[in-house]
Amino acid sequence: MYTLYVANHNYSSWSLRPWVLLTQLGIPFEEKLTPFGHGTSSSWTAFRAFSPTGKVPCLHDGDIAVWDSLSIAEYLAERHPGVWPTDARARAWARSAAAEMHSGFDALRSHCPMNCGIRMQLGTMPAALMRDLTRLQELWNEGLTLFGGPYLAGAAFTTVDAFFAPVAFRIQSYQLPVDEACRTYAQQLLGLPAMKHWYETALQESWRDPDHEEETLRQGTLLQDLRARLA
């Protein structure tokens, strides 16, 4: 059985991607969660115990370690059906869109760090963030139109949806302005059993990482914190 090493459900968008892919596709795995430590060096030291890069996620398959979320998806695709679309055109589009998410959308990441359990009002909408949201809507609408939905590459949930799953949480947490089709798609993702489970466990976490909290609070006004209270 695979072992997937992840960090806090509340914060770790990179961990969510392979976790929701494995869970939604029904591929058995054992989850091992190591919370973020205070400071980058603290997390790096803890994560180095299981990840060559000192980062999450990392998948172990026996004595094989696979790091980086995109690499994990490709490793799984070699062993399980349904990880990518079967149709060649949809598969090419899905791979390109997932790779774009993996390497891009920097403003969306920096201005809207994943924090599942809070609701924020952004202080400003910088031009770079608006460009990312414009491109996001363009990309999502293209996939939904080309392949008929309800998922980005057709009728089935695949890796490309897993890679945009953290964006659904960001839309919810920061009340991001997206069009109706994109909001419906985000709600589709949030309604998946795997996503509901991730969200519920995120709310129950008693850890608070100061770096992540400070990064979030710099973005605007905290409206609501739905997470379990600290003891």
Protein backbone atom coordinates (compact mmCIF):
# COMPACT_ATOMS: atom_id res chain seq x y z
CA MET A 1 0.00 0.00 0.00
CA TYR A 2 1.15 3.55 -0.72
CA THR A 3 2.08 5.92 2.09
CA LEU A 4 1.38 9.60 1.46
CA TYR A 5 3.17 12.12 3.64
CA VAL A 6 1.32 15.42 4.01
CA ALA A 7 1.22 18.50 6.22
CA ASN A 8 -1.67 20.40 7.82
CA HIS A 9 -4.95 19.99 5.98
CA ASN A 10 -5.82 23.60 6.73
CA TYR A 11 -2.79 25.09 4.97
CA SER A 12 -1.13 22.60 2.63
CA SER A 13 -2.48 23.03 -0.88
CA TRP A 14 0.32 20.89 -2.31
CA SER A 15 -0.58 18.01 0.02
CA LEU A 16 -4.24 18.24 -0.96
CA ARG A 17 -3.63 17.51 -4.64
CA PRO A 18 -2.40 13.90 -4.46
CA TRP A 19 -4.50 13.22 -1.35
CA VAL A 20 -7.78 14.14 -3.05
CA LEU A 21 -6.74 12.32 -6.23
CA LEU A 22 -6.02 9.08 -4.37
CA THR A 23 -9.10 9.39 -2.19
CA GLN A 24 -11.57 10.34 -4.92
CA LEU A 25 -10.32 7.56 -7.22
CA GLY A 26 -10.50 4.99 -4.44
CA ILE A 27 -6.79 4.11 -4.54
CA PRO A 28 -5.81 2.71 -1.11
CA PHE A 29 -3.10 4.55 0.82
CA GLU A 30 -1.99 5.35 4.33
CA GLU A 31 -1.78 9.01 5.28
CA LYS A 32 1.00 10.26 7.53
CA LEU A 33 0.66 13.88 8.61
CA THR A 34 3.50 15.99 9.99
CA PRO A 35 2.45 19.53 11.00
CA PHE A 36 4.38 22.54 9.78
CA GLY A 37 6.98 23.67 12.30
CA HIS A 38 7.60 27.28 13.22
CA GLY A 39 9.91 28.59 10.51
CA THR A 40 10.98 27.13 7.21
CA SER A 41 14.06 25.39 8.60
CA SER A 42 12.02 23.62 11.28
CA SER A 43 9.61 22.16 8.70
CA TRP A 44 12.47 21.25 6.38
CA THR A 45 14.20 19.27 9.12
CA ALA A 46 11.04 17.37 10.04
CA PHE A 47 10.06 16.66 6.44
CA ARG A 48 13.54 15.48 5.50
CA ALA A 49 12.82 12.33 7.49
CA PHE A 50 10.59 11.14 4.63
CA SER A 51 11.09 13.57 1.72
CA PRO A 52 14.37 14.12 -0.17
CA THR A 53 13.50 17.80 -0.70
CA GLY A 54 12.26 18.46 2.83
CA LYS A 55 8.86 19.35 1.35
CA VAL A 56 5.40 17.78 1.17
CA PRO A 57 3.77 15.87 -0.37
CA CYS A 58 5.87 12.75 -0.76
CA LEU A 59 4.55 9.34 -1.80
CA HIS A 60 6.28 6.13 -0.71
CA ASP A 61 5.69 2.88 -2.56
CA GLY A 62 7.80 0.36 -0.74
CA ASP A 63 11.38 1.59 -1.05
CA ILE A 64 10.47 4.06 -3.83
CA ALA A 65 9.99 7.71 -2.86
CA VAL A 66 8.14 10.00 -5.27
CA TRP A 67 8.17 13.71 -4.44
CA ASP A 68 6.39 16.67 -6.05
CA SER A 69 2.64 16.53 -6.66
CA LEU A 70 2.89 16.37 -10.46
CA SER A 71 5.43 13.57 -10.32
CA ILE A 72 3.18 11.68 -7.92
CA ALA A 73 0.26 12.00 -10.36
CA GLU A 74 2.35 10.63 -13.22
CA TYR A 75 3.61 7.75 -11.06
CA LEU A 76 0.04 6.84 -10.17
CA ALA A 77 -1.05 7.14 -13.82
CA GLU A 78 1.40 4.37 -14.74
CA ARG A 79 -0.33 2.04 -12.28
CA HIS A 80 -4.01 2.99 -12.12
CA PRO A 81 -6.74 3.84 -14.65
CA GLY A 82 -8.60 7.13 -14.45
CA VAL A 83 -5.75 9.33 -13.25
CA TRP A 84 -5.78 11.16 -16.60
CA PRO A 85 -8.62 11.24 -19.18
CA THR A 86 -8.66 8.36 -21.68
CA ASP A 87 -9.45 10.65 -24.64
CA ALA A 88 -6.19 11.89 -26.20
CA ARG A 89 -7.35 15.48 -26.72
CA ALA A 90 -8.80 15.76 -23.22
CA ARG A 91 -5.67 14.19 -21.76
CA ALA A 92 -3.37 16.64 -23.55
CA TRP A 93 -5.48 19.59 -22.39
CA ALA A 94 -5.67 18.25 -18.83
CA ARG A 95 -1.92 17.76 -18.62
CA SER A 96 -1.29 21.27 -19.91
CA ALA A 97 -3.80 22.85 -17.51
CA ALA A 98 -2.45 20.92 -14.52
CA ALA A 99 1.11 21.92 -15.43
CA GLU A 100 0.03 25.56 -15.74
CA MET A 101 -1.46 25.42 -12.25
CA HIS A 102 1.64 23.67 -10.95
CA SER A 103 4.03 26.33 -12.22
CA GLY A 104 1.89 29.46 -12.42
CA PHE A 105 -0.79 31.56 -10.73
CA ASP A 106 1.80 33.12 -8.44
CA ALA A 107 -0.35 36.10 -7.48
CA LEU A 108 -3.28 33.86 -6.55
CA ARG A 109 -0.99 31.80 -4.34
CA SER A 110 0.67 34.77 -2.63
CA HIS A 111 -2.42 36.94 -2.10
CA CYS A 112 -4.73 34.04 -1.19
CA PRO A 113 -2.70 31.45 0.74
CA MET A 114 -4.78 28.35 1.45
CA ASN A 115 -6.43 28.56 4.84
CA CYS A 116 -9.55 26.39 4.67
CA GLY A 117 -11.09 27.36 7.99
CA ILE A 118 -11.28 31.12 7.64
CA ARG A 119 -13.34 33.66 5.72
CA MET A 120 -11.55 36.83 4.62
CA GLN A 121 -12.35 40.10 2.94
CA LEU A 122 -9.37 41.00 0.79
CA GLY A 123 -8.01 44.48 1.40
CA THR A 124 -7.13 45.07 -2.24
CA MET A 125 -7.39 43.28 -5.57
CA PRO A 126 -3.96 43.83 -7.14
CA ALA A 127 -3.72 43.83 -10.92
CA ALA A 128 -1.63 40.63 -10.85
CA LEU A 129 -4.31 38.83 -8.85
CA MET A 130 -7.02 40.01 -11.23
CA ARG A 131 -4.95 38.71 -14.17
CA ASP A 132 -4.67 35.32 -12.48
CA LEU A 133 -8.42 35.22 -11.84
CA THR A 134 -9.12 36.20 -15.45
CA ARG A 135 -6.85 33.42 -16.70
CA LEU A 136 -8.37 30.95 -14.23
CA GLN A 137 -11.88 31.65 -15.51
CA GLU A 138 -10.71 31.44 -19.11
CA LEU A 139 -9.08 28.08 -18.47
CA TRP A 140 -11.94 26.57 -16.48
CA ASN A 141 -14.56 27.71 -18.98
CA GLU A 142 -12.49 26.34 -21.85
CA GLY A 143 -12.28 22.89 -20.29
CA LEU A 144 -15.93 22.79 -19.26
CA THR A 145 -17.02 23.86 -22.75
CA LEU A 146 -14.66 21.64 -24.75
CA PHE A 147 -15.33 18.45 -22.82
CA GLY A 148 -18.88 18.95 -21.54
CA GLY A 149 -18.26 18.92 -17.77
CA PRO A 150 -19.07 18.62 -14.99
CA TYR A 151 -15.32 18.25 -14.49
CA LEU A 152 -12.62 20.12 -16.37
CA ALA A 153 -11.78 17.31 -18.80
CA GLY A 154 -15.18 15.66 -19.05
CA ALA A 155 -17.50 13.48 -17.03
CA ALA A 156 -14.91 12.05 -14.63
CA PHE A 157 -12.74 13.57 -11.90
CA THR A 158 -9.07 13.37 -12.91
CA THR A 159 -5.71 14.86 -12.00
CA VAL A 160 -6.50 18.26 -13.50
CA ASP A 161 -9.41 18.65 -11.07
CA ALA A 162 -7.19 17.58 -8.19
CA PHE A 163 -4.68 20.27 -9.12
CA PHE A 164 -7.34 22.97 -8.99
CA ALA A 165 -8.99 21.63 -5.82
CA PRO A 166 -7.06 24.10 -3.59
CA VAL A 167 -8.42 26.96 -5.71
CA ALA A 168 -11.95 25.94 -4.75
CA PHE A 169 -11.01 26.43 -1.10
CA ARG A 170 -9.40 29.78 -1.94
CA ILE A 171 -12.56 30.98 -3.70
CA GLN A 172 -14.56 30.02 -0.61
CA SER A 173 -12.14 31.48 1.95
CA TYR A 174 -11.50 34.81 0.20
CA GLN A 175 -14.86 35.29 -1.56
CA LEU A 176 -13.07 35.61 -4.88
CA PRO A 177 -15.08 37.10 -7.76
CA VAL A 178 -15.50 34.46 -10.45
CA ASP A 179 -18.26 33.94 -13.00
CA GLU A 180 -21.25 31.67 -12.45
CA ALA A 181 -19.85 28.69 -14.37
CA CYS A 182 -16.60 28.79 -12.40
CA ARG A 183 -18.41 29.21 -9.10
CA THR A 184 -20.58 26.20 -9.94
CA TYR A 185 -17.49 24.16 -10.76
CA ALA A 186 -15.81 25.22 -7.51
CA GLN A 187 -18.92 24.14 -5.60
CA GLN A 188 -18.83 20.84 -7.49
CA LEU A 189 -15.32 20.26 -6.15
CA LEU A 190 -16.19 21.36 -2.62
CA GLY A 191 -19.11 18.92 -2.61
CA LEU A 192 -16.98 15.86 -3.37
CA PRO A 193 -16.83 13.36 -0.46
CA ALA A 194 -13.03 13.55 -0.45
CA MET A 195 -13.05 17.35 -0.31
CA LYS A 196 -15.66 17.38 2.45
CA HIS A 197 -13.52 15.01 4.50
CA TRP A 198 -10.39 17.12 3.98
CA TYR A 199 -12.30 20.25 5.01
CA GLU A 200 -13.77 18.64 8.12
CA THR A 201 -10.36 17.46 9.29
CA ALA A 202 -8.89 20.90 8.53
CA LEU A 203 -11.45 22.52 10.82
CA GLN A 204 -10.65 20.05 13.60
CA GLU A 205 -6.90 20.68 13.57
CA SER A 206 -5.63 22.31 16.75
CA TRP A 207 -2.33 23.48 15.22
CA ARG A 208 -1.68 27.07 14.26
CA ASP A 209 1.41 27.89 12.27
CA PRO A 210 2.41 31.53 12.92
CA ASP A 211 3.97 32.00 9.48
CA HIS A 212 0.84 30.83 7.67
CA GLU A 213 -1.44 32.82 9.98
CA GLU A 214 0.53 36.03 9.53
CA GLU A 215 0.65 35.58 5.77
CA THR A 216 -3.14 35.18 5.68
CA LEU A 217 -3.93 38.14 7.93
CA ARG A 218 -1.77 40.46 5.82
CA GLN A 219 -4.21 40.02 2.93
CA GLY A 220 -7.23 41.75 4.43
CA THR A 221 -9.87 41.56 7.16
CA LEU A 222 -10.70 38.33 8.97
CA LEU A 223 -14.47 37.89 8.92
CA GLN A 224 -14.81 34.45 10.43
CA ASP A 225 -12.65 31.66 11.87
CA LEU A 226 -14.47 28.34 11.74
CA ARG A 227 -11.66 26.20 13.12
CA ALA A 228 -11.68 24.41 16.46
CA ARG A 229 -10.65 26.70 19.26
CA LEU A 230 -7.18 26.30 20.69
CA ALA A 231 -7.08 24.70 24.13
